[in-house]
Amino acid sequence: MKHLILIMAAIVCLATSAMAQITDTQTLPPALWKQGVARCAHYTAYAKGFAKRSDEMQKRFPQGYYLDDLNEVYNNQGQKWEKIYEEFKKADGKSGSIEDLKELVTPQVWKLVEPDFKKFITDHPEAATAAVPAADQPQDEAAEGVQADQDGNNTAEIAPEPGRHRRTQDSAACTANLPLWLGILGSLLGLCALLTALSNRGKINEMKRSFAREIDRTNANLQEFSTDAADQMKALSIRLTGKEPRPIRKEEPVVVDELVDEAAPVADEPAIIEETVAEEPVEDEAEEKGELMTLFMNKPDENDDFTRVSDTLEPGNSIYVLDTWDGVHGKFEVIDKPEVHRFALMMPAENLIRACSGNAIQIPSGTRIVTDRPGEAEFIDGKWHVVVKAIIHYEG
C-alpha cells in the first residue's frame, strides 16, 4: 500500500508539472506577467553589474518577487536603478505572453531570464492564481470617474464596483488553470481504477488457490479409494483364478461328492467309489498343503518387496508375520505385540503404507494396530512381493 501511495504522489506531481507548462504565445495571468517583468528588470540590473545573485533573490523571495519588491532592494543604487525601474514600470501595468516579455530585454539578458522564469512557473503553479499586490494596481482608475465633455460640462460616470477588477482576474486565473485541475482529477481517477484492479486480482488469486486446494483434497480421496478398490480387485482375482490355496482345498471335497452322487447308479462298484472319495482328497490335500512355514519380515521397499525376511522374530526389525504352505503364496499381518506396534507407529508412512491400507492410516489415532484382513504376498525372483495389502485400523 505504501508503494501505491508513492506512485500516486509521483503521478500527481508529474501531472501538475506537465499542466503547469505555459506556451510561449499563451497570454499570461496578471500575476505571472508581473513576475516575468520583475525578472527581466532584475537580470537587466544584473547585466549592469549591481544586482544580487539569483540564489539570494530566491532565498529572500521564495514565492517570487514583483517590480516594487526589487525597488526596495535596489533603491540605494540611485539613477542606475531608477532608469531600469521607470523603463519596466511602463510594461508592468500591461499584459502579454512570454514572447512579449522577450521583447523587453536584449537577447543576452533573455538567455538568463527565460530558464529562470520557466523554472519558476514549473515549481510554483499556484503563482498563476496569486493575487497581485495592491501597490501594483494602477492609481489612475479612481480618477476616471469624472470626464469633461465637448461643451466643457463635467459628466459623472459610474465608478467601477469595488472588487470588480479582482473578480475578473480570479475568473481568468481559474480559466487558465482548468486544464491543470482536470489533469490532476484524471490522474486520481486512473489511480483509483488501478487500485480496484489490483484488489480484484488478489481476490481472484485467492479463489484460484482455494479451488486448487479443493482439487488436491478430492484427488487424495480418489487416490485412497482407488488403492482400496485395487486391493479388493486383486483379492477377488486371486480367488477366481485359483491362486489362493486354502479356499480351493475346502471346495475340492464338495466337487468330489458331486461326482460320487452322479456315479451312484453304478451298483457293482460301491466299495471302489467309497475308497476314492475317502482317500484321494486326503492324499491330494497332503501333497498340496505341505508344511506350514512362518516368516518374520521388515517393511516393504519402493517396489513392494519385503526388505528383510527371517524365520525368527527380530525386535526392532520385524513388523509383519507371514504364513505359507507352499513357499510361494502366503498371507501376512502386523505382528500383534505392543513393542512391534510402538516401533511401527514411530513412522507409519514408511512402515505401514506400502503393505497396509485403511482409513487415515497416515495419522495414528491409537497405540494398537488391529489387522482386519490379512494381506497376500508371492515369492517372486527370490523376494516376497506384496500382492494384496492388509487392511488395518488403530485402537487404544
Protein backbone atom coordinates (compact mmCIF):
# COMPACT_ATOMS: atom_id res chain seq x y z
CA MET A 1 0.00 0.00 0.00
CA LYS A 2 2.90 2.36 0.77
CA HIS A 3 4.30 1.83 -2.73
CA LEU A 4 0.93 2.62 -4.30
CA ILE A 5 0.69 5.88 -2.34
CA LEU A 6 4.17 6.87 -3.53
CA ILE A 7 3.23 6.07 -7.13
CA MET A 8 0.07 8.15 -6.76
CA ALA A 9 2.03 11.13 -5.43
CA ALA A 10 4.57 10.86 -8.27
CA ILE A 11 1.85 10.76 -10.92
CA VAL A 12 0.09 13.77 -9.39
CA CYS A 13 3.37 15.71 -9.34
CA LEU A 14 4.06 14.82 -12.96
CA ALA A 15 0.55 15.84 -13.95
CA THR A 16 0.93 19.13 -12.07
CA SER A 17 4.28 19.81 -13.66
CA ALA A 18 3.04 18.95 -17.15
CA MET A 19 -0.09 21.08 -16.85
CA ALA A 20 1.88 23.97 -15.37
CA GLN A 21 3.84 24.41 -18.58
CA ILE A 22 2.67 27.52 -20.43
CA THR A 23 3.30 28.01 -24.11
CA ASP A 24 5.32 31.00 -25.27
CA THR A 25 2.34 32.52 -27.12
CA GLN A 26 -0.25 31.98 -24.38
CA THR A 27 -1.35 35.12 -22.55
CA LEU A 28 0.00 35.01 -19.01
CA PRO A 29 -2.22 35.61 -15.99
CA PRO A 30 -1.61 39.08 -14.44
CA ALA A 31 0.40 37.71 -11.51
CA LEU A 32 2.73 35.71 -13.76
CA TRP A 33 3.14 38.64 -16.17
CA LYS A 34 4.28 40.88 -13.33
CA GLN A 35 6.65 38.16 -12.10
CA GLY A 36 8.13 37.97 -15.61
CA VAL A 37 8.56 41.76 -15.87
CA ALA A 38 10.29 41.80 -12.46
CA ARG A 39 12.71 39.07 -13.58
CA CYS A 40 13.51 40.97 -16.76
CA ALA A 41 14.29 44.04 -14.64
CA HIS A 42 16.40 42.02 -12.20
CA TYR A 43 18.58 40.44 -14.89
CA THR A 44 18.91 43.79 -16.67
CA ALA A 45 20.33 45.20 -13.42
CA TYR A 46 22.46 42.06 -13.16
CA ALA A 47 23.88 42.81 -16.62
CA LYS A 48 24.65 46.36 -15.43
CA GLY A 49 26.76 44.86 -12.65
CA PHE A 50 24.91 45.84 -9.46
CA ALA A 51 22.11 43.24 -8.99
CA LYS A 52 22.16 40.48 -6.44
CA ARG A 53 22.64 36.85 -7.40
CA SER A 54 19.56 34.78 -8.30
CA ASP A 55 20.05 32.40 -5.34
CA GLU A 56 20.00 35.36 -2.94
CA MET A 57 16.77 36.60 -4.50
CA GLN A 58 15.32 33.11 -4.24
CA LYS A 59 16.09 32.98 -0.52
CA ARG A 60 14.68 36.46 0.07
CA PHE A 61 11.54 35.93 -2.04
CA PRO A 62 10.84 32.15 -2.11
CA GLN A 63 7.35 32.70 -3.58
CA GLY A 64 8.59 35.09 -6.28
CA TYR A 65 9.03 38.85 -6.44
CA TYR A 66 7.48 41.87 -8.18
CA LEU A 67 8.93 45.11 -9.53
CA ASP A 68 8.18 47.02 -6.30
CA ASP A 69 9.98 44.30 -4.34
CA LEU A 70 13.07 44.96 -6.48
CA ASN A 71 12.66 48.72 -5.89
CA GLU A 72 13.03 48.13 -2.16
CA VAL A 73 16.18 46.08 -2.72
CA TYR A 74 17.90 48.38 -5.29
CA ASN A 75 16.69 51.87 -4.21
CA ASN A 76 20.18 52.63 -2.95
CA GLN A 77 21.65 52.35 -6.45
CA GLY A 78 20.49 55.81 -7.50
CA GLN A 79 19.91 56.66 -11.14
CA LYS A 80 21.25 53.32 -12.40
CA TRP A 81 18.27 51.56 -10.91
CA GLU A 82 15.77 54.39 -11.43
CA LYS A 83 16.20 54.21 -15.20
CA ILE A 84 15.59 50.46 -15.20
CA TYR A 85 12.63 50.82 -12.86
CA GLU A 86 10.94 53.52 -14.95
CA GLU A 87 11.50 51.53 -18.13
CA PHE A 88 9.92 48.33 -16.85
CA LYS A 89 7.21 50.11 -14.83
CA LYS A 90 5.54 51.00 -18.15
CA ALA A 91 5.32 47.29 -19.10
CA ASP A 92 4.29 46.22 -15.59
CA GLY A 93 0.78 47.63 -15.99
CA LYS A 94 0.20 45.80 -19.29
CA SER A 95 -0.23 42.11 -20.10
CA GLY A 96 1.13 39.67 -22.63
CA SER A 97 2.84 36.34 -23.27
CA ILE A 98 6.37 35.04 -22.80
CA GLU A 99 7.14 36.24 -26.34
CA ASP A 100 6.14 39.76 -25.23
CA LEU A 101 8.48 39.53 -22.25
CA LYS A 102 11.28 38.57 -24.62
CA GLU A 103 10.83 41.91 -26.45
CA LEU A 104 11.52 43.86 -23.24
CA VAL A 105 15.20 42.84 -22.93
CA THR A 106 18.23 42.19 -25.04
CA PRO A 107 18.90 38.65 -26.32
CA GLN A 108 21.80 38.26 -23.90
CA VAL A 109 19.59 39.15 -20.93
CA TRP A 110 16.74 36.94 -22.18
CA LYS A 111 19.06 33.91 -22.09
CA LEU A 112 19.19 34.44 -18.33
CA VAL A 113 15.54 35.33 -17.86
CA GLU A 114 13.89 32.51 -19.83
CA PRO A 115 15.17 29.41 -17.91
CA ASP A 116 14.70 31.15 -14.55
CA PHE A 117 11.12 32.24 -15.34
CA LYS A 118 10.04 28.88 -16.78
CA LYS A 119 11.53 27.07 -13.79
CA PHE A 120 9.54 29.38 -11.51
CA ILE A 121 6.32 28.51 -13.39
CA THR A 122 7.02 24.77 -13.03
CA ASP A 123 7.96 24.98 -9.34
CA HIS A 124 5.14 27.38 -8.39
CA PRO A 125 1.99 26.52 -10.38
CA GLU A 126 -0.01 28.31 -7.69
CA ALA A 127 1.54 31.61 -8.79
CA ALA A 128 -0.93 31.68 -11.69
CA THR A 129 -3.76 32.24 -9.19
CA ALA A 130 -1.84 34.57 -6.85
CA ALA A 131 -3.33 38.00 -6.28
CA VAL A 132 -1.37 40.99 -7.49
CA PRO A 133 -0.13 43.24 -4.64
CA ALA A 134 -2.25 46.31 -4.02
CA ALA A 135 0.76 48.55 -4.58
CA ASP A 136 0.88 47.39 -8.20
CA GLN A 137 -2.69 48.39 -9.01
CA PRO A 138 -3.00 51.39 -11.39
CA GLN A 139 -3.57 54.55 -9.41
CA ASP A 140 -5.43 56.41 -12.11
CA GLU A 141 -8.52 54.14 -12.18
CA ALA A 142 -10.20 56.07 -9.35
CA ALA A 143 -9.59 59.35 -11.10
CA GLU A 144 -11.54 58.32 -14.17
CA GLY A 145 -14.91 58.92 -12.54
CA VAL A 146 -15.25 62.35 -13.99
CA GLN A 147 -14.77 63.22 -17.65
CA ALA A 148 -15.19 66.55 -19.40
CA ASP A 149 -17.44 66.67 -22.47
CA GLN A 150 -17.03 68.81 -25.57
CA ASP A 151 -19.12 71.72 -24.09
CA GLY A 152 -16.90 71.98 -21.00
CA ASN A 153 -19.51 70.38 -18.74
CA ASN A 154 -18.40 67.64 -16.35
CA THR A 155 -20.29 64.39 -16.66
CA ALA A 156 -20.05 61.95 -13.72
CA GLU A 157 -19.52 58.40 -14.74
CA ILE A 158 -20.45 55.43 -12.66
CA ALA A 159 -17.40 54.31 -10.73
CA PRO A 160 -16.46 50.65 -11.11
CA GLU A 161 -17.69 48.33 -8.38
CA PRO A 162 -15.16 47.52 -5.60
CA GLY A 163 -13.50 44.20 -6.23
CA ARG A 164 -14.75 44.01 -9.81
CA HIS A 165 -11.26 44.06 -11.23
CA ARG A 166 -10.16 41.38 -8.74
CA ARG A 167 -13.07 39.10 -9.68
CA THR A 168 -12.12 39.42 -13.34
CA GLN A 169 -8.56 38.42 -12.57
CA ASP A 170 -9.67 35.45 -10.44
CA SER A 171 -12.00 34.27 -13.19
CA ALA A 172 -9.22 34.47 -15.77
CA ALA A 173 -6.85 32.61 -13.44
CA CYS A 174 -9.39 29.84 -12.83
CA THR A 175 -9.98 29.51 -16.58
CA ALA A 176 -6.24 29.31 -17.23
CA ASN A 177 -5.77 26.60 -14.60
CA LEU A 178 -8.79 24.49 -15.55
CA PRO A 179 -6.66 22.01 -17.58
CA LEU A 180 -4.35 21.62 -14.57
CA TRP A 181 -7.18 20.55 -12.25
CA LEU A 182 -8.71 18.34 -14.91
CA GLY A 183 -5.34 16.60 -15.35
CA ILE A 184 -4.98 16.03 -11.59
CA LEU A 185 -8.57 14.71 -11.36
CA GLY A 186 -7.97 12.35 -14.28
CA SER A 187 -4.77 11.04 -12.66
CA LEU A 188 -6.58 10.37 -9.37
CA LEU A 189 -9.40 8.55 -11.15
CA GLY A 190 -6.86 6.42 -13.03
CA LEU A 191 -5.14 5.51 -9.77
CA CYS A 192 -8.47 4.55 -8.19
CA ALA A 193 -9.14 2.25 -11.14
CA LEU A 194 -5.66 0.75 -10.77
CA LEU A 195 -6.19 0.10 -7.05
CA THR A 196 -9.55 -1.52 -7.75
CA ALA A 197 -7.99 -3.78 -10.39
CA LEU A 198 -5.19 -4.83 -8.03
CA SER A 199 -7.69 -5.58 -5.26
CA ASN A 200 -9.80 -7.72 -7.57
CA ARG A 201 -6.68 -9.50 -8.79
CA GLY A 202 -5.85 -10.53 -5.22
CA LYS A 203 -9.37 -11.91 -4.73
CA ILE A 204 -9.18 -13.87 -7.97
CA ASN A 205 -5.82 -15.38 -6.97
CA GLU A 206 -7.25 -16.39 -3.58
CA MET A 207 -10.20 -18.09 -5.31
CA LYS A 208 -7.76 -19.95 -7.58
CA ARG A 209 -5.73 -21.15 -4.58
CA SER A 210 -8.90 -22.27 -2.76
CA PHE A 211 -10.08 -24.15 -5.85
CA ALA A 212 -6.65 -25.83 -6.18
CA ARG A 213 -6.79 -26.94 -2.53
CA GLU A 214 -10.23 -28.47 -3.10
CA ILE A 215 -8.94 -30.32 -6.15
CA ASP A 216 -5.96 -31.67 -4.16
CA ARG A 217 -8.24 -32.94 -1.40
CA THR A 218 -10.54 -34.58 -3.96
CA ASN A 219 -7.58 -36.22 -5.70
CA ALA A 220 -6.29 -37.55 -2.37
CA ASN A 221 -9.70 -39.07 -1.57
CA LEU A 222 -9.93 -40.60 -5.03
CA GLN A 223 -6.41 -42.00 -4.70
CA GLU A 224 -7.26 -43.66 -1.40
CA PHE A 225 -10.47 -45.06 -2.83
CA SER A 226 -8.60 -46.29 -5.90
CA THR A 227 -6.00 -48.04 -3.72
CA ASP A 228 -8.64 -49.85 -1.67
CA ALA A 229 -10.55 -50.81 -4.81
CA ALA A 230 -7.35 -52.16 -6.40
CA ASP A 231 -6.65 -54.28 -3.31
CA GLN A 232 -10.16 -55.71 -3.40
CA MET A 233 -9.86 -56.47 -7.13
CA LYS A 234 -6.54 -58.24 -6.62
CA ALA A 235 -8.00 -60.38 -3.87
CA LEU A 236 -11.02 -61.24 -5.99
CA SER A 237 -8.83 -62.05 -8.99
CA ILE A 238 -6.68 -64.42 -6.92
CA ARG A 239 -9.73 -66.23 -5.65
CA LEU A 240 -11.23 -66.56 -9.13
CA THR A 241 -8.02 -67.80 -10.77
CA GLY A 242 -7.27 -70.36 -8.04
CA LYS A 243 -4.10 -68.82 -6.65
CA GLU A 244 -5.39 -68.85 -3.09
CA PRO A 245 -4.63 -72.40 -1.75
CA ARG A 246 -6.88 -72.81 1.26
CA PRO A 247 -10.23 -71.84 -0.28
CA ILE A 248 -9.52 -74.29 -3.15
CA ARG A 249 -8.86 -77.16 -0.72
CA LYS A 250 -12.14 -76.52 1.05
CA GLU A 251 -14.09 -76.72 -2.19
CA GLU A 252 -12.46 -79.91 -3.55
CA PRO A 253 -14.37 -82.37 -1.32
CA VAL A 254 -17.63 -80.76 -2.49
CA VAL A 255 -16.68 -81.35 -6.09
CA VAL A 256 -15.79 -84.98 -5.36
CA ASP A 257 -19.06 -85.55 -3.52
CA GLU A 258 -20.96 -84.22 -6.50
CA LEU A 259 -19.06 -86.63 -8.76
CA VAL A 260 -19.86 -89.51 -6.41
CA ASP A 261 -23.53 -88.60 -6.39
CA GLU A 262 -23.61 -88.58 -10.17
CA ALA A 263 -21.91 -92.01 -10.27
CA ALA A 264 -24.27 -93.54 -7.65
CA PRO A 265 -26.44 -95.58 -10.11
CA VAL A 266 -23.47 -97.88 -10.76
CA ALA A 267 -24.20 -100.57 -8.18
CA ASP A 268 -21.43 -103.07 -8.97
CA GLU A 269 -18.55 -100.95 -7.59
CA PRO A 270 -19.73 -99.22 -4.43
CA ALA A 271 -16.55 -100.06 -2.46
CA ILE A 272 -14.24 -98.59 -5.09
CA ILE A 273 -16.24 -95.35 -5.22
CA GLU A 274 -16.17 -95.01 -1.44
CA GLU A 275 -12.42 -95.63 -1.35
CA THR A 276 -11.83 -92.95 -3.97
CA VAL A 277 -13.96 -90.46 -2.08
CA ALA A 278 -12.31 -91.21 1.23
CA GLU A 279 -8.65 -91.50 0.29
CA GLU A 280 -7.82 -89.45 -2.80
CA PRO A 281 -8.71 -85.98 -1.36
CA VAL A 282 -6.58 -86.68 1.73
CA GLU A 283 -3.54 -87.56 -0.37
CA ASP A 284 -4.04 -84.55 -2.69
CA GLU A 285 -4.50 -82.23 0.31
CA ALA A 286 -1.38 -83.50 2.00
CA GLU A 287 0.68 -83.07 -1.17
CA GLU A 288 -0.71 -79.58 -1.81
CA LYS A 289 -0.67 -78.36 1.77
CA GLY A 290 2.91 -79.29 2.55
CA GLU A 291 4.46 -77.89 5.73
CA LEU A 292 3.45 -74.58 7.32
CA MET A 293 6.27 -72.04 7.31
CA THR A 294 6.19 -68.84 9.40
CA LEU A 295 8.42 -65.92 8.42
CA PHE A 296 9.03 -62.53 10.08
CA MET A 297 9.57 -59.54 7.80
CA ASN A 298 10.50 -55.87 7.89
CA LYS A 299 8.78 -53.05 5.90
CA PRO A 300 8.47 -53.30 2.08
CA ASP A 301 10.66 -51.14 -0.18
CA GLU A 302 9.53 -48.85 -3.02
CA ASN A 303 8.97 -51.95 -5.24
CA ASP A 304 6.64 -53.51 -2.62
CA ASP A 305 9.23 -56.22 -1.80
CA PHE A 306 9.85 -57.05 1.86
CA THR A 307 13.36 -55.89 2.62
CA ARG A 308 14.32 -58.29 5.43
CA VAL A 309 12.96 -61.81 6.00
CA SER A 310 13.81 -64.06 8.95
CA ASP A 311 12.44 -67.27 10.46
CA THR A 312 12.68 -65.73 13.96
CA LEU A 313 11.27 -62.53 15.44
CA GLU A 314 13.87 -59.74 15.41
CA PRO A 315 12.98 -56.92 17.83
CA GLY A 316 13.43 -53.52 16.19
CA ASN A 317 13.22 -55.02 12.67
CA SER A 318 10.31 -57.43 12.38
CA ILE A 319 6.90 -55.80 11.75
CA TYR A 320 4.96 -58.47 9.80
CA VAL A 321 4.45 -62.22 10.17
CA LEU A 322 3.78 -64.34 7.05
CA ASP A 323 2.41 -67.90 6.88
CA THR A 324 2.98 -70.03 3.75
CA TRP A 325 2.24 -73.68 2.97
CA ASP A 326 3.99 -73.96 -0.36
CA GLY A 327 6.78 -71.35 -0.09
CA VAL A 328 5.27 -69.39 -2.99
CA HIS A 329 2.00 -67.93 -1.72
CA GLY A 330 1.47 -66.56 1.75
CA LYS A 331 -0.66 -64.34 3.95
CA PHE A 332 0.76 -61.70 6.26
CA GLU A 333 -0.42 -59.41 9.00
CA VAL A 334 1.08 -56.98 11.53
CA ILE A 335 2.69 -58.82 14.47
CA ASP A 336 0.32 -58.48 17.44
CA LYS A 337 2.84 -57.32 20.03
CA PRO A 338 2.91 -53.94 21.84
CA GLU A 339 6.60 -53.37 21.20
CA VAL A 340 6.12 -54.05 17.47
CA HIS A 341 3.19 -51.62 17.39
CA ARG A 342 5.24 -48.91 19.06
CA PHE A 343 8.07 -49.46 16.59
CA ALA A 344 5.76 -49.40 13.53
CA LEU A 345 3.86 -46.30 14.68
CA MET A 346 7.04 -44.28 15.03
CA MET A 347 7.00 -43.83 11.23
CA PRO A 348 3.63 -45.10 9.93
CA ALA A 349 4.06 -43.60 6.47
CA GLU A 350 7.28 -45.59 5.97
CA ASN A 351 6.48 -48.80 7.89
CA LEU A 352 2.79 -49.39 7.08
CA ILE A 353 1.50 -47.65 3.95
CA ARG A 354 3.24 -49.88 1.37
CA ALA A 355 1.87 -53.07 2.94
CA CYS A 356 -1.40 -51.89 4.55
CA SER A 357 -4.45 -49.81 3.76
CA GLY A 358 -7.24 -48.42 5.87
CA ASN A 359 -8.99 -45.26 6.94
CA ALA A 360 -6.43 -42.49 7.60
CA ILE A 361 -3.57 -44.80 8.50
CA GLN A 362 -1.08 -41.98 7.84
CA ILE A 363 -2.20 -40.34 11.12
CA PRO A 364 -2.10 -42.81 14.04
CA SER A 365 -5.16 -42.47 16.27
CA GLY A 366 -4.24 -45.19 18.77
CA THR A 367 -1.43 -47.31 20.21
CA ARG A 368 -2.52 -50.73 18.92
CA ILE A 369 -2.67 -51.99 15.33
CA VAL A 370 -5.51 -54.39 14.52
CA THR A 371 -5.44 -56.40 11.26
CA ASP A 372 -8.97 -56.60 9.83
CA ARG A 373 -7.95 -58.68 6.80
CA PRO A 374 -4.55 -60.29 6.14
CA GLY A 375 -2.56 -59.20 3.13
CA GLU A 376 -1.24 -61.58 0.46
CA ALA A 377 2.29 -61.95 -0.92
CA GLU A 378 4.05 -64.07 -3.54
CA PHE A 379 7.65 -65.28 -3.69
CA ILE A 380 8.93 -63.78 -6.99
CA ASP A 381 12.57 -63.66 -8.11
CA GLY A 382 13.81 -64.52 -4.64
CA LYS A 383 11.72 -61.87 -2.85
CA TRP A 384 8.37 -61.82 -1.12
CA HIS A 385 6.27 -59.31 -3.08
CA VAL A 386 3.09 -57.65 -1.76
CA VAL A 387 0.15 -58.65 -3.97
CA VAL A 388 -2.78 -57.53 -1.80
CA LYS A 389 -2.40 -55.06 1.05
CA ALA A 390 -3.63 -55.92 4.52
CA ILE A 391 -6.48 -53.83 5.94
CA ILE A 392 -5.81 -52.41 9.41
CA HIS A 393 -7.19 -49.91 11.92
CA TYR A 394 -5.98 -48.35 15.19
CA GLU A 395 -7.25 -48.90 18.70
CA GLY A 396 -6.35 -47.74 22.19
